[in-house]
Amino acid sequence: WLAMMLIRLAENEADRTGRQMRRDLRQLEVGIHETRSGEVWQSNRPTA
């Protein structure tokens, strides 16, 4: 029920469907780069 409410609230606030938001959010990615000092976690630049 909480998941359903969060989706509906986000849909109403963003004026987009859950599918549209999911499609947009799939563009966000995180790359993990190994260095001598350890791992660097870097996200890509967000789209408009």
ModelCIF file with pLDDT and N, C-alpha, C, O atoms, coordinates in Angstrom:
data_MODEL
#
_entry.id   MODEL 
#
_entity.id                         1 
_entity.type                       polymer 
_entity.pdbx_number_of_molecules   1 
#
_entity_poly.entity_id                      1 
_entity_poly.type                           'polypeptide(L)' 
_entity_poly.nstd_linkage                   no 
_entity_poly.nstd_monomer                   no 
_entity_poly.pdbx_seq_one_letter_code       WLAMMLIRLAENEADRTGRQMRRDLRQLEVGIHETRSGEVWQSNRPTA 
_entity_poly.pdbx_seq_one_letter_code_can   WLAMMLIRLAENEADRTGRQMRRDLRQLEVGIHETRSGEVWQSNRPTA 
_entity_poly.pdbx_strand_id                 A 
#
loop_
_entity_poly_seq.entity_id 
_entity_poly_seq.num 
_entity_poly_seq.mon_id 
_entity_poly_seq.hetero 
1 1  TRP n 
1 2  LEU n 
1 3  ALA n 
1 4  MET n 
1 5  MET n 
1 6  LEU n 
1 7  ILE n 
1 8  ARG n 
1 9  LEU n 
1 10 ALA n 
1 11 GLU n 
1 12 ASN n 
1 13 GLU n 
1 14 ALA n 
1 15 ASP n 
1 16 ARG n 
1 17 THR n 
1 18 GLY n 
1 19 ARG n 
1 20 GLN n 
1 21 MET n 
1 22 ARG n 
1 23 ARG n 
1 24 ASP n 
1 25 LEU n 
1 26 ARG n 
1 27 GLN n 
1 28 LEU n 
1 29 GLU n 
1 30 VAL n 
1 31 GLY n 
1 32 ILE n 
1 33 HIS n 
1 34 GLU n 
1 35 THR n 
1 36 ARG n 
1 37 SER n 
1 38 GLY n 
1 39 GLU n 
1 40 VAL n 
1 41 TRP n 
1 42 GLN n 
1 43 SER n 
1 44 ASN n 
1 45 ARG n 
1 46 PRO n 
1 47 THR n 
1 48 ALA n 
#
_struct_asym.id          A 
_struct_asym.entity_id   1 
#
loop_
_ma_qa_metric.id 
_ma_qa_metric.mode 
_ma_qa_metric.name 
_ma_qa_metric.software_group_id 
_ma_qa_metric.type 
1 global pLDDT . pLDDT 
2 local  pLDDT . pLDDT 
#
_ma_qa_metric_global.metric_id      1 
_ma_qa_metric_global.metric_value   90.33 
_ma_qa_metric_global.model_id       1 
_ma_qa_metric_global.ordinal_id     1 
#
loop_
_ma_qa_metric_local.label_asym_id 
_ma_qa_metric_local.label_comp_id 
_ma_qa_metric_local.label_seq_id 
_ma_qa_metric_local.metric_id 
_ma_qa_metric_local.metric_value 
_ma_qa_metric_local.model_id 
_ma_qa_metric_local.ordinal_id 
A TRP 1  2 81.00 1 1  
A LEU 2  2 86.00 1 2  
A ALA 3  2 81.00 1 3  
A MET 4  2 81.00 1 4  
A MET 5  2 86.00 1 5  
A LEU 6  2 88.00 1 6  
A ILE 7  2 85.00 1 7  
A ARG 8  2 86.00 1 8  
A LEU 9  2 91.00 1 9  
A ALA 10 2 92.00 1 10 
A GLU 11 2 91.00 1 11 
A ASN 12 2 92.00 1 12 
A GLU 13 2 94.00 1 13 
A ALA 14 2 94.00 1 14 
A ASP 15 2 94.00 1 15 
A ARG 16 2 93.00 1 16 
A THR 17 2 88.00 1 17 
A GLY 18 2 85.00 1 18 
A ARG 19 2 85.00 1 19 
A GLN 20 2 91.00 1 20 
A MET 21 2 92.00 1 21 
A ARG 22 2 89.00 1 22 
A ARG 23 2 91.00 1 23 
A ASP 24 2 93.00 1 24 
A LEU 25 2 92.00 1 25 
A ARG 26 2 92.00 1 26 
A GLN 27 2 92.00 1 27 
A LEU 28 2 92.00 1 28 
A GLU 29 2 93.00 1 29 
A VAL 30 2 92.00 1 30 
A GLY 31 2 93.00 1 31 
A ILE 32 2 93.00 1 32 
A HIS 33 2 92.00 1 33 
A GLU 34 2 92.00 1 34 
A THR 35 2 88.00 1 35 
A ARG 36 2 87.00 1 36 
A SER 37 2 87.00 1 37 
A GLY 38 2 89.00 1 38 
A GLU 39 2 91.00 1 39 
A VAL 40 2 93.00 1 40 
A TRP 41 2 93.00 1 41 
A GLN 42 2 93.00 1 42 
A SER 43 2 93.00 1 43 
A ASN 44 2 94.00 1 44 
A ARG 45 2 94.00 1 45 
A PRO 46 2 94.00 1 46 
A THR 47 2 94.00 1 47 
A ALA 48 2 94.00 1 48 
#
loop_
_atom_site.group_PDB 
_atom_site.id 
_atom_site.type_symbol 
_atom_site.label_atom_id 
_atom_site.label_alt_id 
_atom_site.label_comp_id 
_atom_site.label_asym_id 
_atom_site.label_entity_id 
_atom_site.label_seq_id 
_atom_site.pdbx_PDB_ins_code 
_atom_site.Cartn_x 
_atom_site.Cartn_y 
_atom_site.Cartn_z 
_atom_site.occupancy 
_atom_site.B_iso_or_equiv 
_atom_site.pdbx_formal_charge 
_atom_site.auth_seq_id 
_atom_site.auth_comp_id 
_atom_site.auth_asym_id 
_atom_site.auth_atom_id 
_atom_site.pdbx_PDB_model_num 
ATOM 1   N N  . TRP A 1 1  ? 0.831  -1.197 0.000   1.00 81.00 ? 1  TRP A N  1 
ATOM 2   C CA . TRP A 1 1  ? 0.000  0.000  0.000   1.00 81.00 ? 1  TRP A CA 1 
ATOM 3   C C  . TRP A 1 1  ? 0.873  1.257  0.000   1.00 81.00 ? 1  TRP A C  1 
ATOM 4   O O  . TRP A 1 1  ? 0.586  2.212  -0.722  1.00 81.00 ? 1  TRP A O  1 
ATOM 5   N N  . LEU A 1 2  ? 1.943  1.260  0.812   1.00 86.00 ? 2  LEU A N  1 
ATOM 6   C CA . LEU A 1 2  ? 2.848  2.408  0.842   1.00 86.00 ? 2  LEU A CA 1 
ATOM 7   C C  . LEU A 1 2  ? 3.522  2.618  -0.508  1.00 86.00 ? 2  LEU A C  1 
ATOM 8   O O  . LEU A 1 2  ? 3.660  3.752  -0.966  1.00 86.00 ? 2  LEU A O  1 
ATOM 9   N N  . ALA A 1 3  ? 3.941  1.530  -1.144  1.00 81.00 ? 3  ALA A N  1 
ATOM 10  C CA . ALA A 1 3  ? 4.556  1.638  -2.469  1.00 81.00 ? 3  ALA A CA 1 
ATOM 11  C C  . ALA A 1 3  ? 3.574  2.239  -3.465  1.00 81.00 ? 3  ALA A C  1 
ATOM 12  O O  . ALA A 1 3  ? 3.940  3.100  -4.265  1.00 81.00 ? 3  ALA A O  1 
ATOM 13  N N  . MET A 1 4  ? 2.333  1.786  -3.414  1.00 81.00 ? 4  MET A N  1 
ATOM 14  C CA . MET A 1 4  ? 1.311  2.303  -4.318  1.00 81.00 ? 4  MET A CA 1 
ATOM 15  C C  . MET A 1 4  ? 1.081  3.791  -4.061  1.00 81.00 ? 4  MET A C  1 
ATOM 16  O O  . MET A 1 4  ? 0.956  4.569  -5.007  1.00 81.00 ? 4  MET A O  1 
ATOM 17  N N  . MET A 1 5  ? 1.026  4.189  -2.801  1.00 86.00 ? 5  MET A N  1 
ATOM 18  C CA . MET A 1 5  ? 0.809  5.593  -2.468  1.00 86.00 ? 5  MET A CA 1 
ATOM 19  C C  . MET A 1 5  ? 1.978  6.459  -2.933  1.00 86.00 ? 5  MET A C  1 
ATOM 20  O O  . MET A 1 5  ? 1.766  7.553  -3.456  1.00 86.00 ? 5  MET A O  1 
ATOM 21  N N  . LEU A 1 6  ? 3.195  5.986  -2.749  1.00 88.00 ? 6  LEU A N  1 
ATOM 22  C CA . LEU A 1 6  ? 4.366  6.750  -3.188  1.00 88.00 ? 6  LEU A CA 1 
ATOM 23  C C  . LEU A 1 6  ? 4.367  6.945  -4.702  1.00 88.00 ? 6  LEU A C  1 
ATOM 24  O O  . LEU A 1 6  ? 4.688  8.025  -5.199  1.00 88.00 ? 6  LEU A O  1 
ATOM 25  N N  . ILE A 1 7  ? 4.009  5.902  -5.421  1.00 85.00 ? 7  ILE A N  1 
ATOM 26  C CA . ILE A 1 7  ? 3.943  6.006  -6.877  1.00 85.00 ? 7  ILE A CA 1 
ATOM 27  C C  . ILE A 1 7  ? 2.886  7.025  -7.281  1.00 85.00 ? 7  ILE A C  1 
ATOM 28  O O  . ILE A 1 7  ? 3.138  7.881  -8.128  1.00 85.00 ? 7  ILE A O  1 
ATOM 29  N N  . ARG A 1 8  ? 1.704  6.935  -6.679  1.00 86.00 ? 8  ARG A N  1 
ATOM 30  C CA . ARG A 1 8  ? 0.619  7.861  -7.032  1.00 86.00 ? 8  ARG A CA 1 
ATOM 31  C C  . ARG A 1 8  ? 0.982  9.299  -6.673  1.00 86.00 ? 8  ARG A C  1 
ATOM 32  O O  . ARG A 1 8  ? 0.698  10.217 -7.444  1.00 86.00 ? 8  ARG A O  1 
ATOM 33  N N  . LEU A 1 9  ? 1.607  9.507  -5.513  1.00 91.00 ? 9  LEU A N  1 
ATOM 34  C CA . LEU A 1 9  ? 2.033  10.857 -5.135  1.00 91.00 ? 9  LEU A CA 1 
ATOM 35  C C  . LEU A 1 9  ? 3.057  11.405 -6.121  1.00 91.00 ? 9  LEU A C  1 
ATOM 36  O O  . LEU A 1 9  ? 2.970  12.561 -6.536  1.00 91.00 ? 9  LEU A O  1 
ATOM 37  N N  . ALA A 1 10 ? 4.024  10.577 -6.492  1.00 92.00 ? 10 ALA A N  1 
ATOM 38  C CA . ALA A 1 10 ? 5.034  11.014 -7.454  1.00 92.00 ? 10 ALA A CA 1 
ATOM 39  C C  . ALA A 1 10 ? 4.401  11.311 -8.807  1.00 92.00 ? 10 ALA A C  1 
ATOM 40  O O  . ALA A 1 10 ? 4.765  12.291 -9.458  1.00 92.00 ? 10 ALA A O  1 
ATOM 41  N N  . GLU A 1 11 ? 3.460  10.478 -9.235  1.00 91.00 ? 11 GLU A N  1 
ATOM 42  C CA . GLU A 1 11 ? 2.773  10.722 -10.508 1.00 91.00 ? 11 GLU A CA 1 
ATOM 43  C C  . GLU A 1 11 ? 2.033  12.052 -10.480 1.00 91.00 ? 11 GLU A C  1 
ATOM 44  O O  . GLU A 1 11 ? 2.085  12.815 -11.444 1.00 91.00 ? 11 GLU A O  1 
ATOM 45  N N  . ASN A 1 12 ? 1.352  12.329 -9.386  1.00 92.00 ? 12 ASN A N  1 
ATOM 46  C CA . ASN A 1 12 ? 0.598  13.584 -9.283  1.00 92.00 ? 12 ASN A CA 1 
ATOM 47  C C  . ASN A 1 12 ? 1.527  14.789 -9.226  1.00 92.00 ? 12 ASN A C  1 
ATOM 48  O O  . ASN A 1 12 ? 1.250  15.806 -9.862  1.00 92.00 ? 12 ASN A O  1 
ATOM 49  N N  . GLU A 1 13 ? 2.620  14.697 -8.478  1.00 94.00 ? 13 GLU A N  1 
ATOM 50  C CA . GLU A 1 13 ? 3.559  15.813 -8.364  1.00 94.00 ? 13 GLU A CA 1 
ATOM 51  C C  . GLU A 1 13 ? 4.286  16.094 -9.677  1.00 94.00 ? 13 GLU A C  1 
ATOM 52  O O  . GLU A 1 13 ? 4.452  17.249 -10.070 1.00 94.00 ? 13 GLU A O  1 
ATOM 53  N N  . ALA A 1 14 ? 4.716  15.032 -10.349 1.00 94.00 ? 14 ALA A N  1 
ATOM 54  C CA . ALA A 1 14 ? 5.518  15.187 -11.565 1.00 94.00 ? 14 ALA A CA 1 
ATOM 55  C C  . ALA A 1 14 ? 4.661  15.291 -12.821 1.00 94.00 ? 14 ALA A C  1 
ATOM 56  O O  . ALA A 1 14 ? 5.163  15.634 -13.891 1.00 94.00 ? 14 ALA A O  1 
ATOM 57  N N  . ASP A 1 15 ? 3.368  14.995 -12.692 1.00 94.00 ? 15 ASP A N  1 
ATOM 58  C CA . ASP A 1 15 ? 2.463  14.981 -13.839 1.00 94.00 ? 15 ASP A CA 1 
ATOM 59  C C  . ASP A 1 15 ? 2.968  14.027 -14.928 1.00 94.00 ? 15 ASP A C  1 
ATOM 60  O O  . ASP A 1 15 ? 2.918  14.327 -16.121 1.00 94.00 ? 15 ASP A O  1 
ATOM 61  N N  . ARG A 1 16 ? 3.453  12.871 -14.471 1.00 93.00 ? 16 ARG A N  1 
ATOM 62  C CA . ARG A 1 16 ? 3.933  11.814 -15.364 1.00 93.00 ? 16 ARG A CA 1 
ATOM 63  C C  . ARG A 1 16 ? 3.450  10.482 -14.816 1.00 93.00 ? 16 ARG A C  1 
ATOM 64  O O  . ARG A 1 16 ? 3.146  10.358 -13.630 1.00 93.00 ? 16 ARG A O  1 
ATOM 65  N N  . THR A 1 17 ? 3.383  9.488  -15.693 1.00 88.00 ? 17 THR A N  1 
ATOM 66  C CA . THR A 1 17 ? 3.008  8.157  -15.227 1.00 88.00 ? 17 THR A CA 1 
ATOM 67  C C  . THR A 1 17 ? 4.225  7.474  -14.605 1.00 88.00 ? 17 THR A C  1 
ATOM 68  O O  . THR A 1 17 ? 5.364  7.895  -14.806 1.00 88.00 ? 17 THR A O  1 
ATOM 69  N N  . GLY A 1 18 ? 3.959  6.426  -13.857 1.00 85.00 ? 18 GLY A N  1 
ATOM 70  C CA . GLY A 1 18 ? 5.050  5.658  -13.277 1.00 85.00 ? 18 GLY A CA 1 
ATOM 71  C C  . GLY A 1 18 ? 5.976  5.098  -14.344 1.00 85.00 ? 18 GLY A C  1 
ATOM 72  O O  . GLY A 1 18 ? 7.190  5.044  -14.146 1.00 85.00 ? 18 GLY A O  1 
ATOM 73  N N  . ARG A 1 19 ? 5.420  4.686  -15.461 1.00 85.00 ? 19 ARG A N  1 
ATOM 74  C CA . ARG A 1 19 ? 6.243  4.150  -16.552 1.00 85.00 ? 19 ARG A CA 1 
ATOM 75  C C  . ARG A 1 19 ? 7.161  5.222  -17.135 1.00 85.00 ? 19 ARG A C  1 
ATOM 76  O O  . ARG A 1 19 ? 8.323  4.954  -17.440 1.00 85.00 ? 19 ARG A O  1 
ATOM 77  N N  . GLN A 1 20 ? 6.633  6.439  -17.287 1.00 91.00 ? 20 GLN A N  1 
ATOM 78  C CA . GLN A 1 20 ? 7.454  7.524  -17.816 1.00 91.00 ? 20 GLN A CA 1 
ATOM 79  C C  . GLN A 1 20 ? 8.598  7.852  -16.858 1.00 91.00 ? 20 GLN A C  1 
ATOM 80  O O  . GLN A 1 20 ? 9.734  8.066  -17.283 1.00 91.00 ? 20 GLN A O  1 
ATOM 81  N N  . MET A 1 21 ? 8.287  7.888  -15.561 1.00 92.00 ? 21 MET A N  1 
ATOM 82  C CA . MET A 1 21 ? 9.331  8.177  -14.580 1.00 92.00 ? 21 MET A CA 1 
ATOM 83  C C  . MET A 1 21 ? 10.382 7.069  -14.564 1.00 92.00 ? 21 MET A C  1 
ATOM 84  O O  . MET A 1 21 ? 11.579 7.340  -14.469 1.00 92.00 ? 21 MET A O  1 
ATOM 85  N N  . ARG A 1 22 ? 9.932  5.836  -14.657 1.00 89.00 ? 22 ARG A N  1 
ATOM 86  C CA . ARG A 1 22 ? 10.870 4.716  -14.668 1.00 89.00 ? 22 ARG A CA 1 
ATOM 87  C C  . ARG A 1 22 ? 11.778 4.782  -15.890 1.00 89.00 ? 22 ARG A C  1 
ATOM 88  O O  . ARG A 1 22 ? 12.980 4.540  -15.785 1.00 89.00 ? 22 ARG A O  1 
ATOM 89  N N  . ARG A 1 23 ? 11.206 5.110  -17.051 1.00 91.00 ? 23 ARG A N  1 
ATOM 90  C CA . ARG A 1 23 ? 12.000 5.246  -18.274 1.00 91.00 ? 23 ARG A CA 1 
ATOM 91  C C  . ARG A 1 23 ? 13.056 6.335  -18.105 1.00 91.00 ? 23 ARG A C  1 
ATOM 92  O O  . ARG A 1 23 ? 14.214 6.150  -18.480 1.00 91.00 ? 23 ARG A O  1 
ATOM 93  N N  . ASP A 1 24 ? 12.654 7.458  -17.545 1.00 93.00 ? 24 ASP A N  1 
ATOM 94  C CA . ASP A 1 24 ? 13.604 8.557  -17.340 1.00 93.00 ? 24 ASP A CA 1 
ATOM 95  C C  . ASP A 1 24 ? 14.692 8.181  -16.341 1.00 93.00 ? 24 ASP A C  1 
ATOM 96  O O  . ASP A 1 24 ? 15.868 8.469  -16.563 1.00 93.00 ? 24 ASP A O  1 
ATOM 97  N N  . LEU A 1 25 ? 14.304 7.541  -15.245 1.00 92.00 ? 25 LEU A N  1 
ATOM 98  C CA . LEU A 1 25 ? 15.278 7.200  -14.209 1.00 92.00 ? 25 LEU A CA 1 
ATOM 99  C C  . LEU A 1 25 ? 16.252 6.120  -14.643 1.00 92.00 ? 25 LEU A C  1 
ATOM 100 O O  . LEU A 1 25 ? 17.346 6.018  -14.089 1.00 92.00 ? 25 LEU A O  1 
ATOM 101 N N  . ARG A 1 26 ? 15.872 5.314  -15.622 1.00 92.00 ? 26 ARG A N  1 
ATOM 102 C CA . ARG A 1 26 ? 16.801 4.289  -16.125 1.00 92.00 ? 26 ARG A CA 1 
ATOM 103 C C  . ARG A 1 26 ? 18.028 4.912  -16.776 1.00 92.00 ? 26 ARG A C  1 
ATOM 104 O O  . ARG A 1 26 ? 19.045 4.247  -16.967 1.00 92.00 ? 26 ARG A O  1 
ATOM 105 N N  . GLN A 1 27 ? 17.924 6.199  -17.116 1.00 92.00 ? 27 GLN A N  1 
ATOM 106 C CA . GLN A 1 27 ? 19.059 6.885  -17.736 1.00 92.00 ? 27 GLN A CA 1 
ATOM 107 C C  . GLN A 1 27 ? 20.150 7.201  -16.717 1.00 92.00 ? 27 GLN A C  1 
ATOM 108 O O  . GLN A 1 27 ? 21.303 7.423  -17.088 1.00 92.00 ? 27 GLN A O  1 
ATOM 109 N N  . LEU A 1 28 ? 19.788 7.221  -15.431 1.00 92.00 ? 28 LEU A N  1 
ATOM 110 C CA . LEU A 1 28 ? 20.781 7.463  -14.382 1.00 92.00 ? 28 LEU A CA 1 
ATOM 111 C C  . LEU A 1 28 ? 21.568 6.180  -14.149 1.00 92.00 ? 28 LEU A C  1 
ATOM 112 O O  . LEU A 1 28 ? 20.992 5.120  -13.901 1.00 92.00 ? 28 LEU A O  1 
ATOM 113 N N  . GLU A 1 29 ? 22.865 6.288  -14.229 1.00 93.00 ? 29 GLU A N  1 
ATOM 114 C CA . GLU A 1 29 ? 23.717 5.115  -14.028 1.00 93.00 ? 29 GLU A CA 1 
ATOM 115 C C  . GLU A 1 29 ? 24.887 5.480  -13.131 1.00 93.00 ? 29 GLU A C  1 
ATOM 116 O O  . GLU A 1 29 ? 25.263 6.647  -13.020 1.00 93.00 ? 29 GLU A O  1 
ATOM 117 N N  . VAL A 1 30 ? 25.454 4.467  -12.495 1.00 92.00 ? 30 VAL A N  1 
ATOM 118 C CA . VAL A 1 30 ? 26.633 4.651  -11.662 1.00 92.00 ? 30 VAL A CA 1 
ATOM 119 C C  . VAL A 1 30 ? 27.724 3.723  -12.176 1.00 92.00 ? 30 VAL A C  1 
ATOM 120 O O  . VAL A 1 30 ? 27.506 2.525  -12.355 1.00 92.00 ? 30 VAL A O  1 
ATOM 121 N N  . GLY A 1 31 ? 28.887 4.289  -12.408 1.00 93.00 ? 31 GLY A N  1 
ATOM 122 C CA . GLY A 1 31 ? 30.041 3.495  -12.824 1.00 93.00 ? 31 GLY A CA 1 
ATOM 123 C C  . GLY A 1 31 ? 30.988 3.334  -11.649 1.00 93.00 ? 31 GLY A C  1 
ATOM 124 O O  . GLY A 1 31 ? 31.184 4.264  -10.867 1.00 93.00 ? 31 GLY A O  1 
ATOM 125 N N  . ILE A 1 32 ? 31.565 2.168  -11.531 1.00 93.00 ? 32 ILE A N  1 
ATOM 126 C CA . ILE A 1 32 ? 32.535 1.905  -10.465 1.00 93.00 ? 32 ILE A CA 1 
ATOM 127 C C  . ILE A 1 32 ? 33.898 1.749  -11.119 1.00 93.00 ? 32 ILE A C  1 
ATOM 128 O O  . ILE A 1 32 ? 34.104 0.872  -11.959 1.00 93.00 ? 32 ILE A O  1 
ATOM 129 N N  . HIS A 1 33 ? 34.822 2.610  -10.724 1.00 92.00 ? 33 HIS A N  1 
ATOM 130 C CA . HIS A 1 33 ? 36.160 2.611  -11.314 1.00 92.00 ? 33 HIS A CA 1 
ATOM 131 C C  . HIS A 1 33 ? 37.164 2.156  -10.261 1.00 92.00 ? 33 HIS A C  1 
ATOM 132 O O  . HIS A 1 33 ? 37.205 2.695  -9.155  1.00 92.00 ? 33 HIS A O  1 
ATOM 133 N N  . GLU A 1 34 ? 37.963 1.171  -10.611 1.00 92.00 ? 34 GLU A N  1 
ATOM 134 C CA . GLU A 1 34 ? 38.989 0.664  -9.705  1.00 92.00 ? 34 GLU A CA 1 
ATOM 135 C C  . GLU A 1 34 ? 40.240 1.525  -9.841  1.00 92.00 ? 34 GLU A C  1 
ATOM 136 O O  . GLU A 1 34 ? 40.726 1.762  -10.947 1.00 92.00 ? 34 GLU A O  1 
ATOM 137 N N  . THR A 1 35 ? 40.754 1.987  -8.709  1.00 88.00 ? 35 THR A N  1 
ATOM 138 C CA . THR A 1 35 ? 42.017 2.731  -8.686  1.00 88.00 ? 35 THR A CA 1 
ATOM 139 C C  . THR A 1 35 ? 42.932 2.063  -7.671  1.00 88.00 ? 35 THR A C  1 
ATOM 140 O O  . THR A 1 35 ? 42.526 1.143  -6.962  1.00 88.00 ? 35 THR A O  1 
ATOM 141 N N  . ARG A 1 36 ? 44.159 2.531  -7.612  1.00 87.00 ? 36 ARG A N  1 
ATOM 142 C CA . ARG A 1 36 ? 45.082 1.956  -6.629  1.00 87.00 ? 36 ARG A CA 1 
ATOM 143 C C  . ARG A 1 36 ? 44.628 2.251  -5.198  1.00 87.00 ? 36 ARG A C  1 
ATOM 144 O O  . ARG A 1 36 ? 44.923 1.490  -4.277  1.00 87.00 ? 36 ARG A O  1 
ATOM 145 N N  . SER A 1 37 ? 43.917 3.346  -5.023  1.00 87.00 ? 37 SER A N  1 
ATOM 146 C CA . SER A 1 37 ? 43.467 3.730  -3.678  1.00 87.00 ? 37 SER A CA 1 
ATOM 147 C C  . SER A 1 37 ? 42.135 3.092  -3.294  1.00 87.00 ? 37 SER A C  1 
ATOM 148 O O  . SER A 1 37 ? 41.752 3.117  -2.125  1.00 87.00 ? 37 SER A O  1 
ATOM 149 N N  . GLY A 1 38 ? 41.433 2.526  -4.261  1.00 89.00 ? 38 GLY A N  1 
ATOM 150 C CA . GLY A 1 38 ? 40.131 1.923  -3.981  1.00 89.00 ? 38 GLY A CA 1 
ATOM 151 C C  . GLY A 1 38 ? 39.148 2.227  -5.098  1.00 89.00 ? 38 GLY A C  1 
ATOM 152 O O  . GLY A 1 38 ? 39.539 2.646  -6.188  1.00 89.00 ? 38 GLY A O  1 
ATOM 153 N N  . GLU A 1 39 ? 37.884 2.016  -4.821  1.00 91.00 ? 39 GLU A N  1 
ATOM 154 C CA . GLU A 1 39 ? 36.842 2.207  -5.830  1.00 91.00 ? 39 GLU A CA 1 
ATOM 155 C C  . GLU A 1 39 ? 36.323 3.646  -5.820  1.00 91.00 ? 39 GLU A C  1 
ATOM 156 O O  . GLU A 1 39 ? 36.142 4.254  -4.765  1.00 91.00 ? 39 GLU A O  1 
ATOM 157 N N  . VAL A 1 40 ? 36.090 4.171  -7.021  1.00 93.00 ? 40 VAL A N  1 
ATOM 158 C CA . VAL A 1 40 ? 35.449 5.468  -7.183  1.00 93.00 ? 40 VAL A CA 1 
ATOM 159 C C  . VAL A 1 40 ? 34.092 5.205  -7.822  1.00 93.00 ? 40 VAL A C  1 
ATOM 160 O O  . VAL A 1 40 ? 34.010 4.612  -8.897  1.00 93.00 ? 40 VAL A O  1 
ATOM 161 N N  . TRP A 1 41 ? 33.033 5.647  -7.161  1.00 93.00 ? 41 TRP A N  1 
ATOM 162 C CA . TRP A 1 41 ? 31.678 5.488  -7.683  1.00 93.00 ? 41 TRP A CA 1 
ATOM 163 C C  . TRP A 1 41 ? 31.250 6.828  -8.262  1.00 93.00 ? 41 TRP A C  1 
ATOM 164 O O  . TRP A 1 41 ? 31.199 7.835  -7.554  1.00 93.00 ? 41 TRP A O  1 
ATOM 165 N N  . GLN A 1 42 ? 30.942 6.832  -9.564  1.00 93.00 ? 42 GLN A N  1 
ATOM 166 C CA . GLN A 1 42 ? 30.605 8.073  -10.252 1.00 93.00 ? 42 GLN A CA 1 
ATOM 167 C C  . GLN A 1 42 ? 29.326 7.895  -11.055 1.00 93.00 ? 42 GLN A C  1 
ATOM 168 O O  . GLN A 1 42 ? 29.175 6.925  -11.797 1.00 93.00 ? 42 GLN A O  1 
ATOM 169 N N  . SER A 1 43 ? 28.402 8.851  -10.897 1.00 93.00 ? 43 SER A N  1 
ATOM 170 C CA . SER A 1 43 ? 27.166 8.795  -11.686 1.00 93.00 ? 43 SER A CA 1 
ATOM 171 C C  . SER A 1 43 ? 27.364 9.550  -12.991 1.00 93.00 ? 43 SER A C  1 
ATOM 172 O O  . SER A 1 43 ? 28.215 10.434 -13.089 1.00 93.00 ? 43 SER A O  1 
ATOM 173 N N  . ASN A 1 44 ? 26.568 9.191  -13.989 1.00 94.00 ? 44 ASN A N  1 
ATOM 174 C CA . ASN A 1 44 ? 26.634 9.914  -15.253 1.00 94.00 ? 44 ASN A CA 1 
ATOM 175 C C  . ASN A 1 44 ? 25.915 11.246 -15.109 1.00 94.00 ? 44 ASN A C  1 
ATOM 176 O O  . ASN A 1 44 ? 25.204 11.472 -14.130 1.00 94.00 ? 44 ASN A O  1 
ATOM 177 N N  . ARG A 1 45 ? 26.098 12.119 -16.077 1.00 94.00 ? 45 ARG A N  1 
ATOM 178 C CA . ARG A 1 45 ? 25.414 13.410 -16.040 1.00 94.00 ? 45 ARG A CA 1 
ATOM 179 C C  . ARG A 1 45 ? 23.933 13.184 -16.329 1.00 94.00 ? 45 ARG A C  1 
ATOM 180 O O  . ARG A 1 45 ? 23.583 12.481 -17.277 1.00 94.00 ? 45 ARG A O  1 
ATOM 181 N N  . PRO A 1 46 ? 23.066 13.778 -15.514 1.00 94.00 ? 46 PRO A N  1 
ATOM 182 C CA . PRO A 1 46 ? 21.625 13.570 -15.727 1.00 94.00 ? 46 PRO A CA 1 
ATOM 183 C C  . PRO A 1 46 ? 21.140 14.273 -16.990 1.00 94.00 ? 46 PRO A C  1 
ATOM 184 O O  . PRO A 1 46 ? 21.622 15.348 -17.346 1.00 94.00 ? 46 PRO A O  1 
ATOM 185 N N  . THR A 1 47 ? 20.191 13.652 -17.648 1.00 94.00 ? 47 THR A N  1 
ATOM 186 C CA . THR A 1 47 ? 19.577 14.247 -18.827 1.00 94.00 ? 47 THR A CA 1 
ATOM 187 C C  . THR A 1 47 ? 18.584 15.323 -18.385 1.00 94.00 ? 47 THR A C  1 
ATOM 188 O O  . THR A 1 47 ? 18.279 15.444 -17.199 1.00 94.00 ? 47 THR A O  1 
ATOM 189 N N  . ALA A 1 48 ? 18.092 16.086 -19.327 1.00 94.00 ? 48 ALA A N  1 
ATOM 190 C CA . ALA A 1 48 ? 17.108 17.127 -19.025 1.00 94.00 ? 48 ALA A CA 1 
ATOM 191 C C  . ALA A 1 48 ? 15.841 16.508 -18.428 1.00 94.00 ? 48 ALA A C  1 
ATOM 192 O O  . ALA A 1 48 ? 14.895 17.227 -18.108 1.00 94.00 ? 48 ALA A O  1 
#
